[in-house]
Amino acid sequence: MYEKKKLLLKKAYEKAKKELNRTKCSDVSILTYLTFELEGKFGSSKDVRTFVRYHKRLIKDNRDYDIDEITLDQLSWYVGYNNFEDFCTNVLIEKDKGETKIELKIDQDEDSLSEKLSKIIINITNTPIFNVPQLAKNGMGIGAMILTLVAGLAYGGGLGENKYMYWNGERYVGTDSTYVSPKFDVVAMDKNVYKNFKKITRPDTLTVENAIGKAWYSKYNNKVEFFTMDGINPENGKELRKVSEHMVDFYAGVK
C-alpha cells in the first residue's frame, strides 16, 4: 500500500505542477494549488501543511505515512480515477525511453513495485524498440516478467502495437484487448486520433491566438468542453465545432 500511496501523491504533485505552469515554483506553492483544487471540487480538503508532510515523508524521505481514505479518494479523482480503489486497479506507470513508451500495470493485490514482478504486465506502444538487456540491467528479471506483445506490423511495422483504444476522460489509451471494463468503450485503433485527440483540461489557457483553427469544442446540456482536434466528443457523441472568438471570450480564457 505504501508504494501506491507514494505513486498517487507523486502523480498528483506532478499534475498540479504542470497546471500551475510557472517557471519556478516551490513545493509549498504546488501543494497549495493542489489543496485549492481539491477544496474547489469537494468543498473541503486537508490543509497545505498536511500535504507538505505527506510529500516530505512519502516522496523525499521515502518512508510510509498514513493518509486517510477520503484524501486518497480525492487525490485519485484529481489524477483521473473514480477513487483510490480504481487507482490501485487501473494505474499505469509510464516509462519513456526514446520514442518507446512502456506502461506497467500493477495488480490490485500488489503492495510493492519491487517484488513479485511476475504480476506486472508490460504493454509496449509507439515505436517498437524493446531493449531486454536494459530492462534486466534495471532490475527486471526476464523470468519475472509477462510480456504482452500484440503481433503484426500495423502502422508502419510495429512489435506489440495496440489494435484498440479507449477514452479515459482526457485522452485515448491504447490496449490489445476488446474489453477493459464496463465503463470504457473499446474501439479500433486510429493512430491519428490516439496521438492527437485530447481534451483541453485547462480552457483558461486558451486565447484567440492559440485557439482559433487549433481547437474544437462541443456544447451539450450547457456544458462546454474543448479538444485538440476535430471529431466527436467521446463522452456524449456530439460532433465538434471549430472554436470561434466568441467561444474563447465567453467560455475559455482567464476569468
Protein backbone atom coordinates (compact mmCIF):
# COMPACT_ATOMS: atom_id res chain seq x y z
CA MET A 1 0.00 0.00 0.00
CA TYR A 2 2.92 2.36 0.68
CA GLU A 3 4.13 2.21 -2.94
CA LYS A 4 0.65 3.00 -4.23
CA LYS A 5 0.18 5.95 -1.90
CA LYS A 6 3.57 7.28 -2.91
CA LEU A 7 2.78 6.88 -6.61
CA LEU A 8 -0.62 8.58 -6.18
CA LEU A 9 0.87 11.57 -4.36
CA LYS A 10 3.66 11.85 -6.93
CA LYS A 11 1.18 11.87 -9.82
CA ALA A 12 -0.99 14.49 -8.08
CA TYR A 13 2.09 16.63 -7.38
CA GLU A 14 3.27 16.42 -10.99
CA LYS A 15 -0.18 17.28 -12.37
CA ALA A 16 -0.51 20.27 -10.03
CA LYS A 17 2.96 21.47 -11.03
CA LYS A 18 2.07 21.20 -14.71
CA GLU A 19 -1.23 23.02 -14.26
CA LEU A 20 0.35 25.75 -12.14
CA ASN A 21 2.60 26.36 -15.17
CA ARG A 22 5.24 28.52 -13.58
CA THR A 23 8.94 28.59 -14.45
CA LYS A 24 9.93 28.35 -10.82
CA CYS A 25 7.68 27.27 -8.01
CA SER A 26 8.30 25.75 -4.60
CA ASP A 27 6.83 22.54 -3.23
CA VAL A 28 4.61 24.64 -0.97
CA SER A 29 3.23 26.59 -3.95
CA ILE A 30 2.47 23.39 -5.86
CA LEU A 31 0.84 21.71 -2.88
CA THR A 32 -1.13 24.87 -2.10
CA TYR A 33 -2.51 24.78 -5.64
CA LEU A 34 -3.37 21.10 -5.17
CA THR A 35 -5.19 21.92 -1.93
CA PHE A 36 -7.26 24.62 -3.65
CA GLU A 37 -8.19 22.24 -6.49
CA LEU A 38 -9.43 19.57 -4.08
CA GLU A 39 -11.28 22.09 -1.93
CA GLY A 40 -12.94 23.56 -5.02
CA LYS A 41 -14.17 20.13 -6.09
CA PHE A 42 -15.14 18.59 -2.76
CA GLY A 43 -15.75 21.63 -0.54
CA SER A 44 -13.08 20.52 1.93
CA SER A 45 -9.53 19.25 1.89
CA LYS A 46 -6.52 18.71 4.10
CA ASP A 47 -4.58 21.94 4.62
CA VAL A 48 -1.34 22.59 2.77
CA ARG A 49 0.79 21.78 5.82
CA THR A 50 -0.62 18.26 5.84
CA PHE A 51 0.18 17.79 2.16
CA VAL A 52 3.69 19.10 2.78
CA ARG A 53 4.10 16.39 5.43
CA TYR A 54 2.76 13.74 3.04
CA HIS A 55 5.17 14.88 0.34
CA LYS A 56 8.19 15.03 2.62
CA ARG A 57 7.63 11.66 4.25
CA LEU A 58 6.48 9.60 1.25
CA ILE A 59 8.49 11.13 -1.58
CA LYS A 60 11.51 12.94 -0.14
CA ASP A 61 12.17 10.64 2.82
CA ASN A 62 10.87 7.54 1.02
CA ARG A 63 9.02 6.39 4.15
CA ASP A 64 5.45 5.30 4.74
CA TYR A 65 2.92 7.74 6.14
CA ASP A 66 -0.78 7.33 6.91
CA ILE A 67 -3.26 9.08 4.60
CA ASP A 68 -6.97 8.85 5.33
CA GLU A 69 -9.33 7.19 2.82
CA ILE A 70 -11.16 10.42 1.94
CA THR A 71 -7.93 12.17 0.94
CA LEU A 72 -6.78 9.13 -1.05
CA ASP A 73 -10.10 9.18 -2.93
CA GLN A 74 -9.79 12.93 -3.56
CA LEU A 75 -6.24 12.59 -4.88
CA SER A 76 -7.32 9.68 -7.07
CA TRP A 77 -10.08 11.82 -8.59
CA TYR A 78 -7.57 14.59 -9.26
CA VAL A 79 -5.35 12.31 -11.34
CA GLY A 80 -8.28 10.89 -13.31
CA TYR A 81 -9.70 7.95 -11.35
CA ASN A 82 -13.02 7.39 -9.58
CA ASN A 83 -11.46 6.63 -6.19
CA PHE A 84 -8.36 5.07 -4.62
CA GLU A 85 -9.56 1.53 -5.33
CA ASP A 86 -9.94 2.43 -9.01
CA PHE A 87 -6.47 3.98 -8.98
CA CYS A 88 -4.88 0.86 -7.46
CA THR A 89 -6.61 -1.36 -10.00
CA ASN A 90 -6.01 0.64 -13.18
CA VAL A 91 -2.98 2.89 -12.69
CA LEU A 92 -0.32 2.64 -15.38
CA ILE A 93 3.30 3.57 -14.74
CA GLU A 94 4.73 5.08 -17.89
CA LYS A 95 8.43 4.85 -18.66
CA ASP A 96 9.68 6.65 -21.76
CA LYS A 97 12.95 5.73 -23.43
CA GLY A 98 13.48 7.48 -26.74
CA GLU A 99 10.27 7.02 -28.68
CA THR A 100 9.20 3.90 -26.83
CA LYS A 101 6.63 4.05 -24.06
CA ILE A 102 6.41 1.17 -21.61
CA GLU A 103 3.32 1.02 -19.42
CA LEU A 104 3.44 -1.08 -16.26
CA LYS A 105 0.16 -2.14 -14.74
CA ILE A 106 0.15 -3.33 -11.13
CA ASP A 107 -2.32 -5.96 -9.98
CA GLN A 108 -4.67 -4.79 -7.25
CA ASP A 109 -3.17 -7.03 -4.57
CA GLU A 110 0.40 -5.91 -5.21
CA ASP A 111 1.84 -3.78 -2.43
CA SER A 112 5.37 -3.32 -3.73
CA LEU A 113 6.66 -2.40 -7.17
CA SER A 114 9.92 -4.16 -6.49
CA GLU A 115 8.56 -7.60 -5.60
CA LYS A 116 6.63 -10.31 -7.44
CA LEU A 117 7.33 -8.77 -10.85
CA SER A 118 5.69 -11.75 -12.46
CA LYS A 119 2.41 -9.93 -11.85
CA ILE A 120 3.45 -6.96 -13.94
CA ILE A 121 2.02 -6.65 -17.45
CA ILE A 122 4.12 -4.64 -19.86
CA ASN A 123 2.38 -3.05 -22.86
CA ILE A 124 4.75 -1.62 -25.45
CA THR A 125 3.30 1.08 -27.69
CA ASN A 126 4.51 3.57 -30.29
CA THR A 127 7.91 2.88 -31.85
CA PRO A 128 8.83 -0.81 -31.41
CA ILE A 129 12.15 -0.54 -29.61
CA PHE A 130 12.32 -3.11 -26.84
CA ASN A 131 15.67 -3.40 -25.12
CA VAL A 132 15.53 -6.56 -23.00
CA PRO A 133 19.12 -6.26 -21.67
CA GLN A 134 18.39 -2.73 -20.48
CA LEU A 135 15.31 -3.88 -18.55
CA ALA A 136 17.32 -6.65 -16.97
CA LYS A 137 20.03 -4.15 -16.06
CA ASN A 138 17.39 -2.03 -14.34
CA GLY A 139 16.47 -4.94 -12.10
CA MET A 140 13.61 -6.52 -14.02
CA GLY A 141 14.46 -10.19 -14.32
CA ILE A 142 13.28 -11.68 -17.60
CA GLY A 143 11.82 -14.72 -15.85
CA ALA A 144 9.76 -12.42 -13.64
CA MET A 145 8.02 -10.61 -16.48
CA ILE A 146 4.91 -11.24 -18.52
CA LEU A 147 5.31 -9.54 -21.87
CA THR A 148 2.03 -8.76 -23.59
CA LEU A 149 3.03 -8.05 -27.18
CA VAL A 150 0.49 -7.69 -29.95
CA ALA A 151 1.72 -9.38 -33.15
CA GLY A 152 1.66 -7.64 -36.52
CA LEU A 153 3.28 -4.79 -38.34
CA ALA A 154 0.45 -2.28 -38.05
CA TYR A 155 1.15 1.38 -38.62
CA GLY A 156 4.48 1.07 -40.35
CA GLY A 157 5.80 -2.07 -38.74
CA GLY A 158 5.30 -2.40 -35.04
CA LEU A 159 6.16 -5.05 -32.49
CA GLY A 160 3.44 -5.00 -29.85
CA GLU A 161 1.26 -2.31 -31.47
CA ASN A 162 -2.14 -1.99 -29.78
CA LYS A 163 -5.10 -2.72 -32.04
CA TYR A 164 -7.68 -0.96 -29.87
CA MET A 165 -8.07 2.13 -27.73
CA TYR A 166 -10.49 3.61 -25.21
CA TRP A 167 -11.27 7.09 -23.91
CA ASN A 168 -10.23 7.66 -20.29
CA GLY A 169 -11.83 11.08 -19.91
CA GLU A 170 -8.87 13.12 -21.15
CA ARG A 171 -7.26 11.11 -23.97
CA TYR A 172 -7.30 7.77 -25.74
CA VAL A 173 -5.36 4.90 -24.16
CA GLY A 174 -4.08 2.01 -26.26
CA THR A 175 -4.97 -1.59 -25.43
CA ASP A 176 -4.64 -5.02 -27.01
CA SER A 177 -7.98 -6.17 -25.63
CA THR A 178 -11.53 -5.61 -26.87
CA TYR A 179 -12.67 -5.32 -23.24
CA VAL A 180 -11.19 -3.18 -20.46
CA SER A 181 -14.08 -2.60 -18.05
CA PRO A 182 -17.82 -1.89 -18.28
CA LYS A 183 -17.26 1.87 -18.05
CA PHE A 184 -14.98 2.05 -21.11
CA ASP A 185 -15.94 1.75 -24.77
CA VAL A 186 -13.11 0.00 -26.63
CA VAL A 187 -12.82 0.97 -30.31
CA ALA A 188 -10.47 0.17 -33.17
CA MET A 189 -7.12 1.93 -33.02
CA ASP A 190 -6.90 5.14 -35.03
CA LYS A 191 -3.30 6.24 -34.80
CA ASN A 192 -4.01 9.88 -35.65
CA VAL A 193 -6.80 10.17 -33.07
CA TYR A 194 -4.76 8.22 -30.50
CA LYS A 195 -1.81 10.61 -30.77
CA ASN A 196 -3.55 13.93 -31.30
CA PHE A 197 -7.09 13.88 -29.88
CA LYS A 198 -7.15 15.12 -26.28
CA LYS A 199 -9.48 17.08 -24.05
CA ILE A 200 -8.19 20.54 -23.14
CA THR A 201 -8.48 20.36 -19.37
CA ARG A 202 -7.30 23.94 -18.86
CA PRO A 203 -9.57 26.07 -21.08
CA ASP A 204 -8.36 29.11 -19.14
CA THR A 205 -5.10 28.81 -21.10
CA LEU A 206 -6.91 29.31 -24.44
CA THR A 207 -6.62 32.62 -26.24
CA VAL A 208 -7.84 33.82 -29.61
CA GLU A 209 -4.26 33.50 -30.87
CA ASN A 210 -3.65 29.90 -29.76
CA ALA A 211 -7.18 28.51 -30.17
CA ILE A 212 -8.62 29.72 -33.48
CA GLY A 213 -8.02 26.99 -36.06
CA LYS A 214 -6.28 24.82 -33.46
CA ALA A 215 -9.05 23.86 -31.05
CA TRP A 216 -12.59 22.46 -31.27
CA TYR A 217 -15.49 22.33 -28.84
CA SER A 218 -18.80 20.68 -28.01
CA LYS A 219 -21.67 22.24 -26.08
CA TYR A 220 -24.20 19.89 -24.51
CA ASN A 221 -26.57 20.49 -21.58
CA ASN A 222 -24.91 23.90 -21.07
CA LYS A 223 -21.53 22.21 -20.65
CA VAL A 224 -18.74 23.34 -22.97
CA GLU A 225 -15.67 21.17 -23.49
CA PHE A 226 -12.64 21.86 -25.67
CA PHE A 227 -10.49 19.42 -27.66
CA THR A 228 -7.25 19.46 -29.62
CA MET A 229 -8.62 18.21 -32.96
CA ASP A 230 -11.84 17.80 -34.92
CA GLY A 231 -14.06 14.78 -34.42
CA ILE A 232 -16.76 13.65 -31.99
CA ASN A 233 -16.93 14.16 -28.24
CA PRO A 234 -16.34 10.60 -26.94
CA GLU A 235 -18.44 11.30 -23.85
CA ASN A 236 -21.69 12.41 -25.49
CA GLY A 237 -21.32 11.59 -29.19
CA LYS A 238 -21.75 15.21 -30.23
CA GLU A 239 -19.92 16.47 -33.31
CA LEU A 240 -17.22 19.02 -32.52
CA ARG A 241 -17.13 22.52 -33.96
CA LYS A 242 -14.28 24.92 -34.62
CA VAL A 243 -13.58 27.30 -31.77
CA SER A 244 -14.60 30.86 -32.54
CA GLU A 245 -13.53 34.13 -30.97
CA HIS A 246 -16.93 34.23 -29.25
CA MET A 247 -16.37 30.80 -27.67
CA VAL A 248 -12.97 31.85 -26.35
CA ASP A 249 -14.32 35.10 -24.92
CA PHE A 250 -17.33 33.54 -23.18
CA TYR A 251 -16.27 30.00 -22.27
CA ALA A 252 -12.47 29.94 -22.12
CA GLY A 253 -9.56 32.19 -21.32
CA VAL A 254 -8.56 33.60 -17.97
CA LYS A 255 -11.60 34.54 -15.90
